Amino acid sequence: MRVSFVFSEVITGLRRNVTMTIAMILTTAISLGMFGGGLLFVRTIDKMKANYLDDVQVTIYLNDEISSTDSTCSSSTCTTLRQSLETNPAVESVVYENRDEAYKRFQEIFRGQPELVELARPESLPSSLHVKLVNPERSDVLVQEYTGMEGVYQIDDQNRFLERFFGILNAGRNGTFIIALIAALAAVLLIANTIQVSAFTRRTEVGIMRLVGATRWYTQLPFLLEAVVAGVLGAIIGTGGLIALKYLVLDSIIGATGSVIPQIELVEILFPVAPILLGTSILISAITGYTTLRLYVRH
């Protein structure tokens, strides 16, 4: 098999149908870029879960009687509750915070909003027990166990907020994958149409080659490689788009969140996302090209 002939036919085919080739490459790039964005979404969510689950706490707010009269958790009600938590096998640590300490923390958190700090008073903030769990994902068990106990005013489970927050992120990730799937379908149809048009315009050449003894595989390989080359170019452009998006848009947006969302590093795009996009593009292009040739090209 003459390799130079095959590659010259590939280049000729791509140039002959240049508008369809460009459309195929761009559509493939968009679909792969969206797919890569979804993969980065998943990786970012995983990093955020790892970061935040380590710091997740259950805060047990105490009633007004304890908050107003017990600054050291020495009353029988508070002591009993604290000892029960400290001996609970699901609990890693317990920290008591009285009203004055809660007010100081409130001032620190909202120091950039002086008007809000001026409105607050220590007596408006309850004392609390900050509970760190061995397994933060099982916080609901602790909440059920201690809800309604003597001295307990309210229980705040940070894990519930995180579940809602990650639910929103997961919905965004799923939307990205759906759009990528639709774009991928368009790319597959374009690849199939391009191969059909390319085979039709070169039907005479292929017929002559078959008459002089060329095998079916030899005559169809250039069409298959056209699809693969277009897919590879689409993967390269899609990866380049993700890198450009990182530096031009995402870095500034994520930086504005104050480290709430971890930064996306360049290495995360180059590995493993870029190889996944490249492998996916080659696989889809090759399968689509081979199927199209088998179904529509009878030479």
C-alpha atoms as a PDB file:
ATOM      1  CA  MET A   1       0.000   0.000   0.000  1.00  0.00           C
ATOM      2  CA  ARG A   2       1.425   3.346  -1.021  1.00  0.00           C
ATOM      3  CA  VAL A   3       1.254   5.524   2.087  1.00  0.00           C
ATOM      4  CA  SER A   4       2.058   8.717   0.180  1.00  0.00           C
ATOM      5  CA  PHE A   5      -0.873   8.089  -2.182  1.00  0.00           C
ATOM      6  CA  VAL A   6      -3.308   7.529   0.689  1.00  0.00           C
ATOM      7  CA  PHE A   7      -2.295  10.722   2.478  1.00  0.00           C
ATOM      8  CA  SER A   8      -2.398  12.752  -0.735  1.00  0.00           C
ATOM      9  CA  GLU A   9      -5.948  11.504  -1.273  1.00  0.00           C
ATOM     10  CA  VAL A  10      -6.848  12.508   2.287  1.00  0.00           C
ATOM     11  CA  ILE A  11      -5.536  16.032   1.773  1.00  0.00           C
ATOM     12  CA  THR A  12      -7.267  16.271  -1.601  1.00  0.00           C
ATOM     13  CA  GLY A  13     -10.565  15.157  -0.102  1.00  0.00           C
ATOM     14  CA  LEU A  14     -10.352  17.656   2.750  1.00  0.00           C
ATOM     15  CA  ARG A  15      -9.522  20.505   0.374  1.00  0.00           C
ATOM     16  CA  ARG A  16     -12.146  19.529  -2.210  1.00  0.00           C
ATOM     17  CA  ASN A  17     -15.004  19.825   0.299  1.00  0.00           C
ATOM     18  CA  VAL A  18     -13.407  22.630   2.301  1.00  0.00           C
ATOM     19  CA  THR A  19     -16.620  24.255   3.590  1.00  0.00           C
ATOM     20  CA  MET A  20     -18.042  20.964   4.862  1.00  0.00           C
ATOM     21  CA  THR A  21     -14.657  20.062   6.298  1.00  0.00           C
ATOM     22  CA  ILE A  22     -14.473  23.338   8.234  1.00  0.00           C
ATOM     23  CA  ALA A  23     -18.032  22.889   9.480  1.00  0.00           C
ATOM     24  CA  MET A  24     -17.218  19.320  10.546  1.00  0.00           C
ATOM     25  CA  ILE A  25     -14.062  20.386  12.391  1.00  0.00           C
ATOM     26  CA  LEU A  26     -15.757  23.300  14.175  1.00  0.00           C
ATOM     27  CA  THR A  27     -18.790  21.261  15.191  1.00  0.00           C
ATOM     28  CA  THR A  28     -16.531  18.521  16.502  1.00  0.00           C
ATOM     29  CA  ALA A  29     -14.459  21.128  18.377  1.00  0.00           C
ATOM     30  CA  ILE A  30     -17.569  22.613  20.002  1.00  0.00           C
ATOM     31  CA  SER A  31     -18.938  19.248  21.085  1.00  0.00           C
ATOM     32  CA  LEU A  32     -15.575  18.108  22.435  1.00  0.00           C
ATOM     33  CA  GLY A  33     -15.035  21.455  24.138  1.00  0.00           C
ATOM     34  CA  MET A  34     -18.380  21.122  25.915  1.00  0.00           C
ATOM     35  CA  PHE A  35     -17.534  17.550  26.859  1.00  0.00           C
ATOM     36  CA  GLY A  36     -14.168  18.687  28.203  1.00  0.00           C
ATOM     37  CA  GLY A  37     -15.899  21.457  30.139  1.00  0.00           C
ATOM     38  CA  GLY A  38     -18.159  18.849  31.707  1.00  0.00           C
ATOM     39  CA  LEU A  39     -15.125  16.791  32.731  1.00  0.00           C
ATOM     40  CA  LEU A  40     -13.543  19.868  34.322  1.00  0.00           C
ATOM     41  CA  PHE A  41     -16.872  20.518  36.059  1.00  0.00           C
ATOM     42  CA  VAL A  42     -16.775  17.024  37.568  1.00  0.00           C
ATOM     43  CA  ARG A  43     -13.161  17.428  38.677  1.00  0.00           C
ATOM     44  CA  THR A  44     -13.888  20.813  40.273  1.00  0.00           C
ATOM     45  CA  ILE A  45     -16.921  19.448  42.136  1.00  0.00           C
ATOM     46  CA  ASP A  46     -14.830  16.538  43.446  1.00  0.00           C
ATOM     47  CA  LYS A  47     -12.135  18.945  44.695  1.00  0.00           C
ATOM     48  CA  MET A  48     -14.731  21.148  46.372  1.00  0.00           C
ATOM     49  CA  LYS A  49     -16.317  18.145  48.093  1.00  0.00           C
ATOM     50  CA  ALA A  50     -12.926  17.016  49.366  1.00  0.00           C
ATOM     51  CA  ASN A  51     -12.142  20.531  50.644  1.00  0.00           C
ATOM     52  CA  TYR A  52     -15.468  21.322  52.272  1.00  0.00           C
ATOM     53  CA  LEU A  53     -16.438  17.967  53.733  1.00  0.00           C
ATOM     54  CA  ASP A  54     -13.341  18.116  55.944  1.00  0.00           C
ATOM     55  CA  ASP A  55     -14.657  21.325  57.522  1.00  0.00           C
ATOM     56  CA  VAL A  56     -18.360  20.495  57.647  1.00  0.00           C
ATOM     57  CA  GLN A  57     -19.863  20.931  61.098  1.00  0.00           C
ATOM     58  CA  VAL A  58     -23.205  20.557  62.790  1.00  0.00           C
ATOM     59  CA  THR A  59     -23.971  23.602  64.934  1.00  0.00           C
ATOM     60  CA  ILE A  60     -26.344  23.063  67.852  1.00  0.00           C
ATOM     61  CA  TYR A  61     -27.778  26.400  68.960  1.00  0.00           C
ATOM     62  CA  LEU A  62     -28.775  26.489  72.624  1.00  0.00           C
ATOM     63  CA  ASN A  63     -31.908  28.066  74.068  1.00  0.00           C
ATOM     64  CA  ASP A  64     -32.052  31.542  75.565  1.00  0.00           C
ATOM     65  CA  GLU A  65     -31.817  30.335  79.155  1.00  0.00           C
ATOM     66  CA  ILE A  66     -28.403  28.722  78.585  1.00  0.00           C
ATOM     67  CA  SER A  67     -27.194  31.494  76.264  1.00  0.00           C
ATOM     68  CA  SER A  68     -27.978  34.264  78.757  1.00  0.00           C
ATOM     69  CA  THR A  69     -26.781  32.631  81.994  1.00  0.00           C
ATOM     70  CA  ASP A  70     -24.083  30.093  81.079  1.00  0.00           C
ATOM     71  CA  SER A  71     -20.896  31.416  79.482  1.00  0.00           C
ATOM     72  CA  THR A  72     -18.788  28.301  80.162  1.00  0.00           C
ATOM     73  CA  CYS A  73     -21.276  25.464  79.568  1.00  0.00           C
ATOM     74  CA  SER A  74     -21.210  24.594  83.268  1.00  0.00           C
ATOM     75  CA  SER A  75     -24.950  24.272  83.837  1.00  0.00           C
ATOM     76  CA  SER A  76     -26.326  20.766  84.157  1.00  0.00           C
ATOM     77  CA  THR A  77     -28.329  20.968  80.922  1.00  0.00           C
ATOM     78  CA  CYS A  78     -25.401  22.200  78.834  1.00  0.00           C
ATOM     79  CA  THR A  79     -22.926  19.821  80.470  1.00  0.00           C
ATOM     80  CA  THR A  80     -25.185  16.825  79.903  1.00  0.00           C
ATOM     81  CA  LEU A  81     -25.653  17.743  76.239  1.00  0.00           C
ATOM     82  CA  ARG A  82     -21.942  18.325  75.701  1.00  0.00           C
ATOM     83  CA  GLN A  83     -20.925  15.063  77.387  1.00  0.00           C
ATOM     84  CA  SER A  84     -23.482  13.179  75.316  1.00  0.00           C
ATOM     85  CA  LEU A  85     -21.925  14.584  72.153  1.00  0.00           C
ATOM     86  CA  GLU A  86     -18.337  13.948  73.239  1.00  0.00           C
ATOM     87  CA  THR A  87     -19.088  10.289  73.985  1.00  0.00           C
ATOM     88  CA  ASN A  88     -20.977   9.788  70.724  1.00  0.00           C
ATOM     89  CA  PRO A  89     -18.858   7.570  68.396  1.00  0.00           C
ATOM     90  CA  ALA A  90     -19.959   9.636  65.363  1.00  0.00           C
ATOM     91  CA  VAL A  91     -18.481  12.821  66.851  1.00  0.00           C
ATOM     92  CA  GLU A  92     -14.842  13.825  66.418  1.00  0.00           C
ATOM     93  CA  SER A  93     -14.797  17.024  68.495  1.00  0.00           C
ATOM     94  CA  VAL A  94     -17.093  19.499  70.268  1.00  0.00           C
ATOM     95  CA  VAL A  95     -16.407  23.222  70.820  1.00  0.00           C
ATOM     96  CA  TYR A  96     -18.596  25.459  72.970  1.00  0.00           C
ATOM     97  CA  GLU A  97     -19.133  29.073  71.879  1.00  0.00           C
ATOM     98  CA  ASN A  98     -20.876  31.534  74.190  1.00  0.00           C
ATOM     99  CA  ARG A  99     -22.706  34.698  73.193  1.00  0.00           C
ATOM    100  CA  ASP A 100     -19.706  37.013  73.490  1.00  0.00           C
ATOM    101  CA  GLU A 101     -17.553  34.706  71.375  1.00  0.00           C
ATOM    102  CA  ALA A 102     -20.329  34.386  68.806  1.00  0.00           C
ATOM    103  CA  TYR A 103     -20.608  38.182  68.633  1.00  0.00           C
ATOM    104  CA  LYS A 104     -16.847  38.572  68.113  1.00  0.00           C
ATOM    105  CA  ARG A 105     -16.945  35.997  65.304  1.00  0.00           C
ATOM    106  CA  PHE A 106     -19.936  37.793  63.790  1.00  0.00           C
ATOM    107  CA  GLN A 107     -17.997  41.071  63.817  1.00  0.00           C
ATOM    108  CA  GLU A 108     -15.028  39.388  62.144  1.00  0.00           C
ATOM    109  CA  ILE A 109     -17.130  37.791  59.418  1.00  0.00           C
ATOM    110  CA  PHE A 110     -19.066  40.980  58.605  1.00  0.00           C
ATOM    111  CA  ARG A 111     -16.340  43.543  59.274  1.00  0.00           C
ATOM    112  CA  GLY A 112     -16.777  44.777  55.696  1.00  0.00           C
ATOM    113  CA  GLN A 113     -20.418  45.663  56.444  1.00  0.00           C
ATOM    114  CA  PRO A 114     -20.268  48.076  59.431  1.00  0.00           C
ATOM    115  CA  GLU A 115     -23.957  48.976  59.193  1.00  0.00           C
ATOM    116  CA  LEU A 116     -24.879  45.319  59.782  1.00  0.00           C
ATOM    117  CA  VAL A 117     -22.432  45.019  62.693  1.00  0.00           C
ATOM    118  CA  GLU A 118     -23.921  48.109  64.364  1.00  0.00           C
ATOM    119  CA  LEU A 119     -27.413  46.621  64.258  1.00  0.00           C
ATOM    120  CA  ALA A 120     -26.390  43.350  65.931  1.00  0.00           C
ATOM    121  CA  ARG A 121     -26.101  42.898  69.690  1.00  0.00           C
ATOM    122  CA  PRO A 122     -24.495  40.057  71.684  1.00  0.00           C
ATOM    123  CA  GLU A 123     -27.834  39.145  73.271  1.00  0.00           C
ATOM    124  CA  SER A 124     -29.306  38.499  69.816  1.00  0.00           C
ATOM    125  CA  LEU A 125     -26.856  35.669  69.181  1.00  0.00           C
ATOM    126  CA  PRO A 126     -27.300  32.285  70.897  1.00  0.00           C
ATOM    127  CA  SER A 127     -24.589  30.151  72.433  1.00  0.00           C
ATOM    128  CA  SER A 128     -23.780  27.041  70.458  1.00  0.00           C
ATOM    129  CA  LEU A 129     -21.948  23.747  70.296  1.00  0.00           C
ATOM    130  CA  HIS A 130     -19.908  23.271  67.128  1.00  0.00           C
ATOM    131  CA  VAL A 131     -19.737  19.554  66.388  1.00  0.00           C
ATOM    132  CA  LYS A 132     -17.221  18.045  63.966  1.00  0.00           C
ATOM    133  CA  LEU A 133     -18.178  14.586  62.761  1.00  0.00           C
ATOM    134  CA  VAL A 134     -16.089  11.553  61.930  1.00  0.00           C
ATOM    135  CA  ASN A 135     -18.177  11.091  58.781  1.00  0.00           C
ATOM    136  CA  PRO A 136     -19.705  14.454  57.744  1.00  0.00           C
ATOM    137  CA  GLU A 137     -21.947  12.747  55.187  1.00  0.00           C
ATOM    138  CA  ARG A 138     -23.888  11.099  58.047  1.00  0.00           C
ATOM    139  CA  SER A 139     -24.742  14.396  59.741  1.00  0.00           C
ATOM    140  CA  ASP A 140     -28.481  13.751  59.335  1.00  0.00           C
ATOM    141  CA  VAL A 141     -28.281  10.955  61.929  1.00  0.00           C
ATOM    142  CA  LEU A 142     -26.893  13.340  64.538  1.00  0.00           C
ATOM    143  CA  VAL A 143     -29.482  15.985  63.689  1.00  0.00           C
ATOM    144  CA  GLN A 144     -32.330  13.506  64.188  1.00  0.00           C
ATOM    145  CA  GLU A 145     -30.862  12.263  67.464  1.00  0.00           C
ATOM    146  CA  TYR A 146     -30.444  15.668  69.117  1.00  0.00           C
ATOM    147  CA  THR A 147     -33.393  17.594  67.675  1.00  0.00           C
ATOM    148  CA  GLY A 148     -35.848  18.389  70.499  1.00  0.00           C
ATOM    149  CA  MET A 149     -33.457  17.573  73.334  1.00  0.00           C
ATOM    150  CA  GLU A 150     -33.513  19.748  76.434  1.00  0.00           C
ATOM    151  CA  GLY A 151     -31.555  22.961  75.940  1.00  0.00           C
ATOM    152  CA  VAL A 152     -31.513  22.712  72.130  1.00  0.00           C
ATOM    153  CA  TYR A 153     -33.051  25.655  70.284  1.00  0.00           C
ATOM    154  CA  GLN A 154     -32.086  24.811  66.709  1.00  0.00           C
ATOM    155  CA  ILE A 155     -29.647  22.611  64.787  1.00  0.00           C
ATOM    156  CA  ASP A 156     -27.839  23.881  61.695  1.00  0.00           C
ATOM    157  CA  ASP A 157     -26.506  21.150  59.420  1.00  0.00           C
ATOM    158  CA  GLN A 158     -23.925  22.615  57.028  1.00  0.00           C
ATOM    159  CA  ASN A 159     -23.999  19.424  54.987  1.00  0.00           C
ATOM    160  CA  ARG A 160     -27.576  20.176  53.865  1.00  0.00           C
ATOM    161  CA  PHE A 161     -26.463  23.501  52.412  1.00  0.00           C
ATOM    162  CA  LEU A 162     -23.549  21.812  50.669  1.00  0.00           C
ATOM    163  CA  GLU A 163     -25.888  19.183  49.206  1.00  0.00           C
ATOM    164  CA  ARG A 164     -28.075  21.922  47.706  1.00  0.00           C
ATOM    165  CA  PHE A 165     -25.023  23.797  46.464  1.00  0.00           C
ATOM    166  CA  PHE A 166     -23.498  20.712  44.849  1.00  0.00           C
ATOM    167  CA  GLY A 167     -26.923  19.832  43.444  1.00  0.00           C
ATOM    168  CA  ILE A 168     -26.894  23.130  41.530  1.00  0.00           C
ATOM    169  CA  LEU A 169     -23.353  22.438  40.283  1.00  0.00           C
ATOM    170  CA  ASN A 170     -24.324  18.911  39.232  1.00  0.00           C
ATOM    171  CA  ALA A 171     -27.279  20.303  37.294  1.00  0.00           C
ATOM    172  CA  GLY A 172     -24.905  22.646  35.463  1.00  0.00           C
ATOM    173  CA  ARG A 173     -22.605  19.738  34.720  1.00  0.00           C
ATOM    174  CA  ASN A 174     -25.479  17.640  33.365  1.00  0.00           C
ATOM    175  CA  GLY A 175     -26.615  20.529  31.180  1.00  0.00           C
ATOM    176  CA  THR A 176     -23.110  20.825  29.748  1.00  0.00           C
ATOM    177  CA  PHE A 177     -23.041  17.129  28.888  1.00  0.00           C
ATOM    178  CA  ILE A 178     -26.473  17.312  27.242  1.00  0.00           C
ATOM    179  CA  ILE A 179     -25.411  20.221  25.032  1.00  0.00           C
ATOM    180  CA  ALA A 180     -22.193  18.355  24.207  1.00  0.00           C
ATOM    181  CA  LEU A 181     -24.237  15.298  23.220  1.00  0.00           C
ATOM    182  CA  ILE A 182     -26.431  17.351  20.879  1.00  0.00           C
ATOM    183  CA  ALA A 183     -23.363  18.966  19.305  1.00  0.00           C
ATOM    184  CA  ALA A 184     -21.730  15.538  18.987  1.00  0.00           C
ATOM    185  CA  LEU A 185     -24.790  14.248  17.116  1.00  0.00           C
ATOM    186  CA  ALA A 186     -24.499  17.173  14.708  1.00  0.00           C
ATOM    187  CA  ALA A 187     -20.803  16.383  14.241  1.00  0.00           C
ATOM    188  CA  VAL A 188     -21.556  12.720  13.516  1.00  0.00           C
ATOM    189  CA  LEU A 189     -24.120  13.692  10.866  1.00  0.00           C
ATOM    190  CA  LEU A 190     -21.657  16.117   9.296  1.00  0.00           C
ATOM    191  CA  ILE A 191     -18.934  13.468   9.210  1.00  0.00           C
ATOM    192  CA  ALA A 192     -21.309  11.012   7.543  1.00  0.00           C
ATOM    193  CA  ASN A 193     -22.474  13.570   4.977  1.00  0.00           C
ATOM    194  CA  THR A 194     -18.917  14.701   4.221  1.00  0.00           C
ATOM    195  CA  ILE A 195     -17.787  11.132   3.581  1.00  0.00           C
ATOM    196  CA  GLN A 196     -20.767  10.479   1.305  1.00  0.00           C
ATOM    197  CA  VAL A 197     -20.113  13.647  -0.704  1.00  0.00           C
ATOM    198  CA  SER A 198     -16.397  12.930  -0.891  1.00  0.00           C
ATOM    199  CA  ALA A 199     -17.004   9.356  -2.058  1.00  0.00           C
ATOM    200  CA  PHE A 200     -19.536  10.521  -4.632  1.00  0.00           C
ATOM    201  CA  THR A 201     -17.222  13.135  -6.145  1.00  0.00           C
ATOM    202  CA  ARG A 202     -14.452  10.535  -6.477  1.00  0.00           C
ATOM    203  CA  ARG A 203     -16.613   7.625  -7.550  1.00  0.00           C
ATOM    204  CA  THR A 204     -14.980   7.401 -10.998  1.00  0.00           C
ATOM    205  CA  GLU A 205     -11.455   7.277  -9.558  1.00  0.00           C
ATOM    206  CA  VAL A 206     -12.467   4.631  -7.025  1.00  0.00           C
ATOM    207  CA  GLY A 207     -14.182   2.569  -9.731  1.00  0.00           C
ATOM    208  CA  ILE A 208     -11.037   2.569 -11.884  1.00  0.00           C
ATOM    209  CA  MET A 209      -8.887   1.572  -8.901  1.00  0.00           C
ATOM    210  CA  ARG A 210     -11.205  -1.359  -8.167  1.00  0.00           C
ATOM    211  CA  LEU A 211     -11.034  -2.475 -11.806  1.00  0.00           C
ATOM    212  CA  VAL A 212      -7.216  -2.620 -11.701  1.00  0.00           C
ATOM    213  CA  GLY A 213      -7.239  -4.756  -8.560  1.00  0.00           C
ATOM    214  CA  ALA A 214      -7.340  -2.335  -5.603  1.00  0.00           C
ATOM    215  CA  THR A 215      -9.053  -3.771  -2.536  1.00  0.00           C
ATOM    216  CA  ARG A 216     -12.152  -2.271  -0.983  1.00  0.00           C
ATOM    217  CA  TRP A 217     -10.145  -1.391   2.135  1.00  0.00           C
ATOM    218  CA  TYR A 218      -7.470   0.405   0.091  1.00  0.00           C
ATOM    219  CA  THR A 219     -10.000   2.551  -1.777  1.00  0.00           C
ATOM    220  CA  GLN A 220     -12.007   3.429   1.328  1.00  0.00           C
ATOM    221  CA  LEU A 221      -9.120   4.119   3.710  1.00  0.00           C
ATOM    222  CA  PRO A 222      -8.635   7.745   2.519  1.00  0.00           C
ATOM    223  CA  PHE A 223     -12.278   8.556   3.314  1.00  0.00           C
ATOM    224  CA  LEU A 224     -11.917   7.023   6.749  1.00  0.00           C
ATOM    225  CA  LEU A 225      -8.722   8.977   7.434  1.00  0.00           C
ATOM    226  CA  GLU A 226     -10.435  12.204   6.351  1.00  0.00           C
ATOM    227  CA  ALA A 227     -12.939  11.756   9.166  1.00  0.00           C
ATOM    228  CA  VAL A 228     -10.203  10.899  11.672  1.00  0.00           C
ATOM    229  CA  VAL A 229      -8.040  13.888  10.681  1.00  0.00           C
ATOM    230  CA  ALA A 230     -11.040  16.212  11.011  1.00  0.00           C
ATOM    231  CA  GLY A 231     -11.786  14.706  14.415  1.00  0.00           C
ATOM    232  CA  VAL A 232      -8.189  15.172  15.601  1.00  0.00           C
ATOM    233  CA  LEU A 233      -8.206  18.802  14.451  1.00  0.00           C
ATOM    234  CA  GLY A 234     -11.504  19.288  16.253  1.00  0.00           C
ATOM    235  CA  ALA A 235     -10.005  17.851  19.459  1.00  0.00           C
ATOM    236  CA  ILE A 236      -6.985  20.156  19.182  1.00  0.00           C
ATOM    237  CA  ILE A 237      -9.192  23.222  18.638  1.00  0.00           C
ATOM    238  CA  GLY A 238     -11.534  22.147  21.447  1.00  0.00           C
ATOM    239  CA  THR A 239      -8.598  21.771  23.851  1.00  0.00           C
ATOM    240  CA  GLY A 240      -7.224  25.139  22.765  1.00  0.00           C
ATOM    241  CA  GLY A 241     -10.654  26.650  23.397  1.00  0.00           C
ATOM    242  CA  LEU A 242     -10.692  25.278  26.947  1.00  0.00           C
ATOM    243  CA  ILE A 243      -7.225  26.715  27.619  1.00  0.00           C
ATOM    244  CA  ALA A 244      -8.270  30.105  26.225  1.00  0.00           C
ATOM    245  CA  LEU A 245     -11.472  30.008  28.282  1.00  0.00           C
ATOM    246  CA  LYS A 246      -9.449  29.310  31.427  1.00  0.00           C
ATOM    247  CA  TYR A 247      -7.123  32.290  31.033  1.00  0.00           C
ATOM    248  CA  LEU A 248      -9.587  34.774  29.516  1.00  0.00           C
ATOM    249  CA  VAL A 249     -12.715  34.056  31.573  1.00  0.00           C
ATOM    250  CA  LEU A 250     -12.599  31.368  34.254  1.00  0.00           C
ATOM    251  CA  ASP A 251      -9.520  32.528  36.181  1.00  0.00           C
ATOM    252  CA  SER A 252     -11.016  35.973  36.854  1.00  0.00           C
ATOM    253  CA  ILE A 253     -14.475  34.611  37.710  1.00  0.00           C
ATOM    254  CA  ILE A 254     -13.154  31.908  40.044  1.00  0.00           C
ATOM    255  CA  GLY A 255     -10.695  34.357  41.602  1.00  0.00           C
ATOM    256  CA  ALA A 256     -13.585  36.678  42.458  1.00  0.00           C
ATOM    257  CA  THR A 257     -15.192  33.927  44.575  1.00  0.00           C
ATOM    258  CA  GLY A 258     -12.365  34.192  47.091  1.00  0.00           C
ATOM    259  CA  SER A 259     -11.218  30.569  46.819  1.00  0.00           C
ATOM    260  CA  VAL A 260     -14.753  29.244  47.332  1.00  0.00           C
ATOM    261  CA  ILE A 261     -14.304  27.491  43.990  1.00  0.00           C
ATOM    262  CA  PRO A 262     -10.816  25.992  43.437  1.00  0.00           C
ATOM    263  CA  GLN A 263      -8.849  27.216  40.452  1.00  0.00           C
ATOM    264  CA  ILE A 264      -8.665  25.061  37.326  1.00  0.00           C
ATOM    265  CA  GLU A 265      -5.009  24.352  36.599  1.00  0.00           C
ATOM    266  CA  LEU A 266      -3.544  24.090  33.099  1.00  0.00           C
ATOM    267  CA  VAL A 267      -2.273  20.587  33.836  1.00  0.00           C
ATOM    268  CA  GLU A 268      -5.865  19.476  34.482  1.00  0.00           C
ATOM    269  CA  ILE A 269      -6.759  20.436  30.910  1.00  0.00           C
ATOM    270  CA  LEU A 270      -3.642  18.926  29.358  1.00  0.00           C
ATOM    271  CA  PHE A 271      -4.037  15.740  31.386  1.00  0.00           C
ATOM    272  CA  PRO A 272      -6.325  13.896  31.566  1.00  0.00           C
ATOM    273  CA  VAL A 273      -8.914  16.004  29.668  1.00  0.00           C
ATOM    274  CA  ALA A 274      -6.953  16.569  26.426  1.00  0.00           C
ATOM    275  CA  PRO A 275      -6.084  12.856  25.894  1.00  0.00           C
ATOM    276  CA  ILE A 276      -9.707  11.908  26.606  1.00  0.00           C
ATOM    277  CA  LEU A 277     -10.934  14.412  24.014  1.00  0.00           C
ATOM    278  CA  LEU A 278      -8.388  13.198  21.471  1.00  0.00           C
ATOM    279  CA  GLY A 279      -9.242   9.533  22.016  1.00  0.00           C
ATOM    280  CA  THR A 280     -12.976  10.255  21.913  1.00  0.00           C
ATOM    281  CA  SER A 281     -12.659  12.207  18.649  1.00  0.00           C
ATOM    282  CA  ILE A 282     -10.633   9.462  16.968  1.00  0.00           C
ATOM    283  CA  LEU A 283     -13.012   6.740  18.144  1.00  0.00           C
ATOM    284  CA  ILE A 284     -16.212   8.538  17.104  1.00  0.00           C
ATOM    285  CA  SER A 285     -14.759   9.679  13.760  1.00  0.00           C
ATOM    286  CA  ALA A 286     -13.448   6.224  12.920  1.00  0.00           C
ATOM    287  CA  ILE A 287     -16.689   4.447  13.862  1.00  0.00           C
ATOM    288  CA  THR A 288     -18.847   6.997  12.022  1.00  0.00           C
ATOM    289  CA  GLY A 289     -16.620   6.865   8.935  1.00  0.00           C
ATOM    290  CA  TYR A 290     -16.494   3.069   8.838  1.00  0.00           C
ATOM    291  CA  THR A 291     -20.259   2.726   9.352  1.00  0.00           C
ATOM    292  CA  THR A 292     -21.012   5.296   6.663  1.00  0.00           C
ATOM    293  CA  LEU A 293     -18.735   3.589   4.177  1.00  0.00           C
ATOM    294  CA  ARG A 294     -20.317   0.206   4.842  1.00  0.00           C
ATOM    295  CA  LEU A 295     -23.881   1.470   4.602  1.00  0.00           C
ATOM    296  CA  TYR A 296     -23.714   3.988   1.777  1.00  0.00           C
ATOM    297  CA  VAL A 297     -20.622   3.325  -0.299  1.00  0.00           C
ATOM    298  CA  ARG A 298     -20.919   0.147  -2.399  1.00  0.00           C
ATOM    299  CA  HIS A 299     -17.699   0.336  -4.390  1.00  0.00           C
END
